[in-house]
Amino acid sequence: MELLHEEKVCCPYCNEVIVIVAGPEDLGQEYIEDCRVCCQPISVQVTTNLNDELMVITNNENDA
């Protein structure tokens, strides 16, 4: 069974904390997800850190 990774991030628009859920199958993916608070589009990138743990990077859609 593959484990899901939950990461708390701040929306680049409203600065509210939101939770992004990613799994190993999302590694290397880049996609747009709307903020659950302000509905603005957030660019989400799923990668790994130096310990090979999943990591989520978010940016303003225009900065992607």
PDB file of N, CA and C in Angstrom:
ATOM      1  N   MET A   1       0.833  -1.181   0.000  1.00  0.00           N
ATOM      2  CA  MET A   1       0.000   0.000   0.000  1.00  0.00           C
ATOM      3  C   MET A   1       0.883   1.251   0.000  1.00  0.00           C
ATOM      4  N   GLU A   2       0.567   2.194  -0.894  1.00  0.00           N
ATOM      5  CA  GLU A   2       1.340   3.419  -0.985  1.00  0.00           C
ATOM      6  C   GLU A   2       0.800   4.445   0.005  1.00  0.00           C
ATOM      7  N   LEU A   3       1.695   5.132   0.669  1.00  0.00           N
ATOM      8  CA  LEU A   3       1.303   6.120   1.668  1.00  0.00           C
ATOM      9  C   LEU A   3       1.123   7.490   1.034  1.00  0.00           C
ATOM     10  N   LEU A   4       0.132   8.210   1.493  1.00  0.00           N
ATOM     11  CA  LEU A   4      -0.082   9.577   1.043  1.00  0.00           C
ATOM     12  C   LEU A   4       0.670  10.531   1.957  1.00  0.00           C
ATOM     13  N   HIS A   5       1.112  11.610   1.378  1.00  0.00           N
ATOM     14  CA  HIS A   5       1.862  12.631   2.108  1.00  0.00           C
ATOM     15  C   HIS A   5       0.989  13.880   2.187  1.00  0.00           C
ATOM     16  N   GLU A   6       0.754  14.380   3.391  1.00  0.00           N
ATOM     17  CA  GLU A   6       0.020  15.624   3.594  1.00  0.00           C
ATOM     18  C   GLU A   6       1.014  16.707   3.964  1.00  0.00           C
ATOM     19  N   GLU A   7       0.943  17.823   3.249  1.00  0.00           N
ATOM     20  CA  GLU A   7       1.834  18.933   3.559  1.00  0.00           C
ATOM     21  C   GLU A   7       1.014  20.203   3.728  1.00  0.00           C
ATOM     22  N   LYS A   8       1.266  20.902   4.825  1.00  0.00           N
ATOM     23  CA  LYS A   8       0.607  22.183   5.064  1.00  0.00           C
ATOM     24  C   LYS A   8       1.439  23.267   4.396  1.00  0.00           C
ATOM     25  N   VAL A   9       0.781  24.067   3.564  1.00  0.00           N
ATOM     26  CA  VAL A   9       1.453  25.150   2.852  1.00  0.00           C
ATOM     27  C   VAL A   9       0.608  26.411   2.979  1.00  0.00           C
ATOM     28  N   CYS A  10       1.233  27.545   2.766  1.00  0.00           N
ATOM     29  CA  CYS A  10       0.504  28.815   2.768  1.00  0.00           C
ATOM     30  C   CYS A  10       0.136  29.176   1.339  1.00  0.00           C
ATOM     31  N   CYS A  11      -1.110  29.583   1.149  1.00  0.00           N
ATOM     32  CA  CYS A  11      -1.546  30.048  -0.160  1.00  0.00           C
ATOM     33  C   CYS A  11      -0.739  31.300  -0.506  1.00  0.00           C
ATOM     34  N   PRO A  12      -0.172  31.376  -1.727  1.00  0.00           N
ATOM     35  CA  PRO A  12       0.610  32.559  -2.104  1.00  0.00           C
ATOM     36  C   PRO A  12      -0.248  33.809  -2.310  1.00  0.00           C
ATOM     37  N   TYR A  13      -1.565  33.660  -2.303  1.00  0.00           N
ATOM     38  CA  TYR A  13      -2.467  34.795  -2.486  1.00  0.00           C
ATOM     39  C   TYR A  13      -3.018  35.307  -1.160  1.00  0.00           C
ATOM     40  N   CYS A  14      -3.665  34.423  -0.386  1.00  0.00           N
ATOM     41  CA  CYS A  14      -4.349  34.856   0.842  1.00  0.00           C
ATOM     42  C   CYS A  14      -3.572  34.505   2.115  1.00  0.00           C
ATOM     43  N   ASN A  15      -2.478  33.765   1.990  1.00  0.00           N
ATOM     44  CA  ASN A  15      -1.614  33.358   3.105  1.00  0.00           C
ATOM     45  C   ASN A  15      -2.279  32.441   4.120  1.00  0.00           C
ATOM     46  N   GLU A  16      -3.435  31.890   3.793  1.00  0.00           N
ATOM     47  CA  GLU A  16      -4.078  30.907   4.663  1.00  0.00           C
ATOM     48  C   GLU A  16      -3.364  29.567   4.518  1.00  0.00           C
ATOM     49  N   VAL A  17      -3.320  28.800   5.599  1.00  0.00           N
ATOM     50  CA  VAL A  17      -2.705  27.474   5.559  1.00  0.00           C
ATOM     51  C   VAL A  17      -3.698  26.499   4.940  1.00  0.00           C
ATOM     52  N   ILE A  18      -3.244  25.775   3.923  1.00  0.00           N
ATOM     53  CA  ILE A  18      -4.058  24.746   3.283  1.00  0.00           C
ATOM     54  C   ILE A  18      -3.261  23.452   3.273  1.00  0.00           C
ATOM     55  N   VAL A  19      -3.938  22.341   3.088  1.00  0.00           N
ATOM     56  CA  VAL A  19      -3.279  21.037   3.066  1.00  0.00           C
ATOM     57  C   VAL A  19      -3.299  20.502   1.644  1.00  0.00           C
ATOM     58  N   ILE A  20      -2.127  20.117   1.150  1.00  0.00           N
ATOM     59  CA  ILE A  20      -1.989  19.475  -0.155  1.00  0.00           C
ATOM     60  C   ILE A  20      -1.653  18.011   0.115  1.00  0.00           C
ATOM     61  N   VAL A  21      -2.369  17.107  -0.531  1.00  0.00           N
ATOM     62  CA  VAL A  21      -2.140  15.673  -0.373  1.00  0.00           C
ATOM     63  C   VAL A  21      -1.505  15.147  -1.653  1.00  0.00           C
ATOM     64  N   ALA A  22      -0.384  14.428  -1.506  1.00  0.00           N
ATOM     65  CA  ALA A  22       0.320  13.860  -2.657  1.00  0.00           C
ATOM     66  C   ALA A  22       0.776  12.449  -2.316  1.00  0.00           C
ATOM     67  N   GLY A  23       0.906  11.633  -3.326  1.00  0.00           N
ATOM     68  CA  GLY A  23       1.397  10.273  -3.166  1.00  0.00           C
ATOM     69  C   GLY A  23       2.587  10.040  -4.073  1.00  0.00           C
ATOM     70  N   PRO A  24       3.242   8.900  -3.940  1.00  0.00           N
ATOM     71  CA  PRO A  24       4.409   8.593  -4.766  1.00  0.00           C
ATOM     72  C   PRO A  24       4.126   8.687  -6.267  1.00  0.00           C
ATOM     73  N   GLU A  25       2.884   8.404  -6.666  1.00  0.00           N
ATOM     74  CA  GLU A  25       2.542   8.476  -8.087  1.00  0.00           C
ATOM     75  C   GLU A  25       2.519   9.916  -8.599  1.00  0.00           C
ATOM     76  N   ASP A  26       2.509  10.898  -7.693  1.00  0.00           N
ATOM     77  CA  ASP A  26       2.503  12.310  -8.068  1.00  0.00           C
ATOM     78  C   ASP A  26       3.914  12.874  -8.246  1.00  0.00           C
ATOM     79  N   LEU A  27       4.930  12.115  -7.902  1.00  0.00           N
ATOM     80  CA  LEU A  27       6.319  12.575  -7.981  1.00  0.00           C
ATOM     81  C   LEU A  27       6.635  13.069  -9.391  1.00  0.00           C
ATOM     82  N   GLY A  28       7.196  14.259  -9.469  1.00  0.00           N
ATOM     83  CA  GLY A  28       7.563  14.852 -10.748  1.00  0.00           C
ATOM     84  C   GLY A  28       6.425  15.587 -11.436  1.00  0.00           C
ATOM     85  N   GLN A  29       5.240  15.550 -10.843  1.00  0.00           N
ATOM     86  CA  GLN A  29       4.084  16.213 -11.440  1.00  0.00           C
ATOM     87  C   GLN A  29       4.060  17.690 -11.065  1.00  0.00           C
ATOM     88  N   GLU A  30       3.546  18.483 -11.987  1.00  0.00           N
ATOM     89  CA  GLU A  30       3.295  19.895 -11.729  1.00  0.00           C
ATOM     90  C   GLU A  30       1.883  20.175 -12.210  1.00  0.00           C
ATOM     91  N   TYR A  31       1.061  20.754 -11.350  1.00  0.00           N
ATOM     92  CA  TYR A  31      -0.334  20.977 -11.712  1.00  0.00           C
ATOM     93  C   TYR A  31      -0.871  22.214 -10.998  1.00  0.00           C
ATOM     94  N   ILE A  32      -2.058  22.641 -11.405  1.00  0.00           N
ATOM     95  CA  ILE A  32      -2.716  23.794 -10.804  1.00  0.00           C
ATOM     96  C   ILE A  32      -3.839  23.297  -9.898  1.00  0.00           C
ATOM     97  N   GLU A  33      -3.878  23.807  -8.669  1.00  0.00           N
ATOM     98  CA  GLU A  33      -4.946  23.475  -7.727  1.00  0.00           C
ATOM     99  C   GLU A  33      -5.473  24.778  -7.137  1.00  0.00           C
ATOM    100  N   ASP A  34      -6.779  24.918  -7.087  1.00  0.00           N
ATOM    101  CA  ASP A  34      -7.373  26.128  -6.526  1.00  0.00           C
ATOM    102  C   ASP A  34      -7.286  26.112  -5.007  1.00  0.00           C
ATOM    103  N   CYS A  35      -6.976  27.280  -4.435  1.00  0.00           N
ATOM    104  CA  CYS A  35      -6.963  27.428  -2.979  1.00  0.00           C
ATOM    105  C   CYS A  35      -8.368  27.165  -2.458  1.00  0.00           C
ATOM    106  N   ARG A  36      -8.475  26.392  -1.402  1.00  0.00           N
ATOM    107  CA  ARG A  36      -9.778  26.065  -0.826  1.00  0.00           C
ATOM    108  C   ARG A  36     -10.381  27.238  -0.055  1.00  0.00           C
ATOM    109  N   VAL A  37      -9.577  28.283   0.178  1.00  0.00           N
ATOM    110  CA  VAL A  37     -10.062  29.446   0.919  1.00  0.00           C
ATOM    111  C   VAL A  37     -10.447  30.583  -0.034  1.00  0.00           C
ATOM    112  N   CYS A  38      -9.517  30.988  -0.913  1.00  0.00           N
ATOM    113  CA  CYS A  38      -9.765  32.148  -1.776  1.00  0.00           C
ATOM    114  C   CYS A  38     -10.029  31.779  -3.237  1.00  0.00           C
ATOM    115  N   CYS A  39      -9.917  30.502  -3.574  1.00  0.00           N
ATOM    116  CA  CYS A  39     -10.202  29.981  -4.926  1.00  0.00           C
ATOM    117  C   CYS A  39      -9.227  30.442  -6.004  1.00  0.00           C
ATOM    118  N   GLN A  40      -8.098  31.017  -5.620  1.00  0.00           N
ATOM    119  CA  GLN A  40      -7.095  31.419  -6.603  1.00  0.00           C
ATOM    120  C   GLN A  40      -6.293  30.194  -7.050  1.00  0.00           C
ATOM    121  N   PRO A  41      -5.796  30.188  -8.304  1.00  0.00           N
ATOM    122  CA  PRO A  41      -5.037  29.041  -8.810  1.00  0.00           C
ATOM    123  C   PRO A  41      -3.609  29.018  -8.267  1.00  0.00           C
ATOM    124  N   ILE A  42      -3.222  27.890  -7.689  1.00  0.00           N
ATOM    125  CA  ILE A  42      -1.882  27.710  -7.121  1.00  0.00           C
ATOM    126  C   ILE A  42      -1.147  26.670  -7.950  1.00  0.00           C
ATOM    127  N   SER A  43       0.081  26.973  -8.331  1.00  0.00           N
ATOM    128  CA  SER A  43       0.931  26.006  -9.022  1.00  0.00           C
ATOM    129  C   SER A  43       1.541  25.080  -7.975  1.00  0.00           C
ATOM    130  N   VAL A  44       1.322  23.771  -8.139  1.00  0.00           N
ATOM    131  CA  VAL A  44       1.804  22.763  -7.190  1.00  0.00           C
ATOM    132  C   VAL A  44       2.805  21.866  -7.897  1.00  0.00           C
ATOM    133  N   GLN A  45       3.968  21.683  -7.297  1.00  0.00           N
ATOM    134  CA  GLN A  45       4.993  20.787  -7.833  1.00  0.00           C
ATOM    135  C   GLN A  45       5.338  19.767  -6.752  1.00  0.00           C
ATOM    136  N   VAL A  46       5.345  18.479  -7.137  1.00  0.00           N
ATOM    137  CA  VAL A  46       5.674  17.405  -6.196  1.00  0.00           C
ATOM    138  C   VAL A  46       7.067  16.892  -6.533  1.00  0.00           C
ATOM    139  N   THR A  47       7.955  16.934  -5.556  1.00  0.00           N
ATOM    140  CA  THR A  47       9.343  16.517  -5.740  1.00  0.00           C
ATOM    141  C   THR A  47       9.795  15.781  -4.477  1.00  0.00           C
ATOM    142  N   THR A  48      11.085  15.526  -4.351  1.00  0.00           N
ATOM    143  CA  THR A  48      11.622  14.915  -3.136  1.00  0.00           C
ATOM    144  C   THR A  48      12.688  15.821  -2.535  1.00  0.00           C
ATOM    145  N   ASN A  49      12.894  15.682  -1.220  1.00  0.00           N
ATOM    146  CA  ASN A  49      13.957  16.426  -0.558  1.00  0.00           C
ATOM    147  C   ASN A  49      15.236  15.581  -0.559  1.00  0.00           C
ATOM    148  N   LEU A  50      16.245  16.020   0.152  1.00  0.00           N
ATOM    149  CA  LEU A  50      17.528  15.305   0.163  1.00  0.00           C
ATOM    150  C   LEU A  50      17.433  13.919   0.791  1.00  0.00           C
ATOM    151  N   ASN A  51      16.389  13.676   1.592  1.00  0.00           N
ATOM    152  CA  ASN A  51      16.178  12.367   2.223  1.00  0.00           C
ATOM    153  C   ASN A  51      15.215  11.496   1.429  1.00  0.00           C
ATOM    154  N   ASP A  52      14.951  11.872   0.180  1.00  0.00           N
ATOM    155  CA  ASP A  52      14.012  11.153  -0.697  1.00  0.00           C
ATOM    156  C   ASP A  52      12.597  11.088  -0.136  1.00  0.00           C
ATOM    157  N   GLU A  53      12.211  12.095   0.645  1.00  0.00           N
ATOM    158  CA  GLU A  53      10.848  12.200   1.152  1.00  0.00           C
ATOM    159  C   GLU A  53      10.072  13.138   0.229  1.00  0.00           C
ATOM    160  N   LEU A  54       8.790  12.841   0.015  1.00  0.00           N
ATOM    161  CA  LEU A  54       7.976  13.700  -0.834  1.00  0.00           C
ATOM    162  C   LEU A  54       7.919  15.109  -0.268  1.00  0.00           C
ATOM    163  N   MET A  55       7.937  16.081  -1.166  1.00  0.00           N
ATOM    164  CA  MET A  55       7.902  17.483  -0.790  1.00  0.00           C
ATOM    165  C   MET A  55       7.002  18.207  -1.786  1.00  0.00           C
ATOM    166  N   VAL A  56       6.196  19.125  -1.307  1.00  0.00           N
ATOM    167  CA  VAL A  56       5.290  19.890  -2.156  1.00  0.00           C
ATOM    168  C   VAL A  56       5.762  21.338  -2.194  1.00  0.00           C
ATOM    169  N   ILE A  57       5.897  21.879  -3.405  1.00  0.00           N
ATOM    170  CA  ILE A  57       6.299  23.271  -3.593  1.00  0.00           C
ATOM    171  C   ILE A  57       5.123  23.996  -4.237  1.00  0.00           C
ATOM    172  N   THR A  58       4.743  25.137  -3.681  1.00  0.00           N
ATOM    173  CA  THR A  58       3.633  25.901  -4.244  1.00  0.00           C
ATOM    174  C   THR A  58       4.097  27.299  -4.623  1.00  0.00           C
ATOM    175  N   ASN A  59       3.489  27.830  -5.674  1.00  0.00           N
ATOM    176  CA  ASN A  59       3.783  29.176  -6.149  1.00  0.00           C
ATOM    177  C   ASN A  59       2.514  29.814  -6.676  1.00  0.00           C
ATOM    178  N   ASN A  60       2.555  31.120  -6.787  1.00  0.00           N
ATOM    179  CA  ASN A  60       1.535  31.868  -7.492  1.00  0.00           C
ATOM    180  C   ASN A  60       1.520  31.339  -8.922  1.00  0.00           C
ATOM    181  N   GLU A  61       0.362  31.141  -9.528  1.00  0.00           N
ATOM    182  CA  GLU A  61       0.288  30.568 -10.875  1.00  0.00           C
ATOM    183  C   GLU A  61       1.129  31.361 -11.871  1.00  0.00           C
ATOM    184  N   ASN A  62       1.214  32.674 -11.709  1.00  0.00           N
ATOM    185  CA  ASN A  62       1.978  33.508 -12.636  1.00  0.00           C
ATOM    186  C   ASN A  62       3.483  33.368 -12.451  1.00  0.00           C
ATOM    187  N   ASP A  63       3.930  32.864 -11.295  1.00  0.00           N
ATOM    188  CA  ASP A  63       5.357  32.674 -11.029  1.00  0.00           C
ATOM    189  C   ASP A  63       5.858  31.327 -11.517  1.00  0.00           C
ATOM    190  N   ALA A  64       4.945  30.417 -11.876  1.00  0.00           N
ATOM    191  CA  ALA A  64       5.311  29.042 -12.269  1.00  0.00           C
ATOM    192  C   ALA A  64       6.023  29.015 -13.599  1.00  0.00           C
TER     193      ALA A  64
END
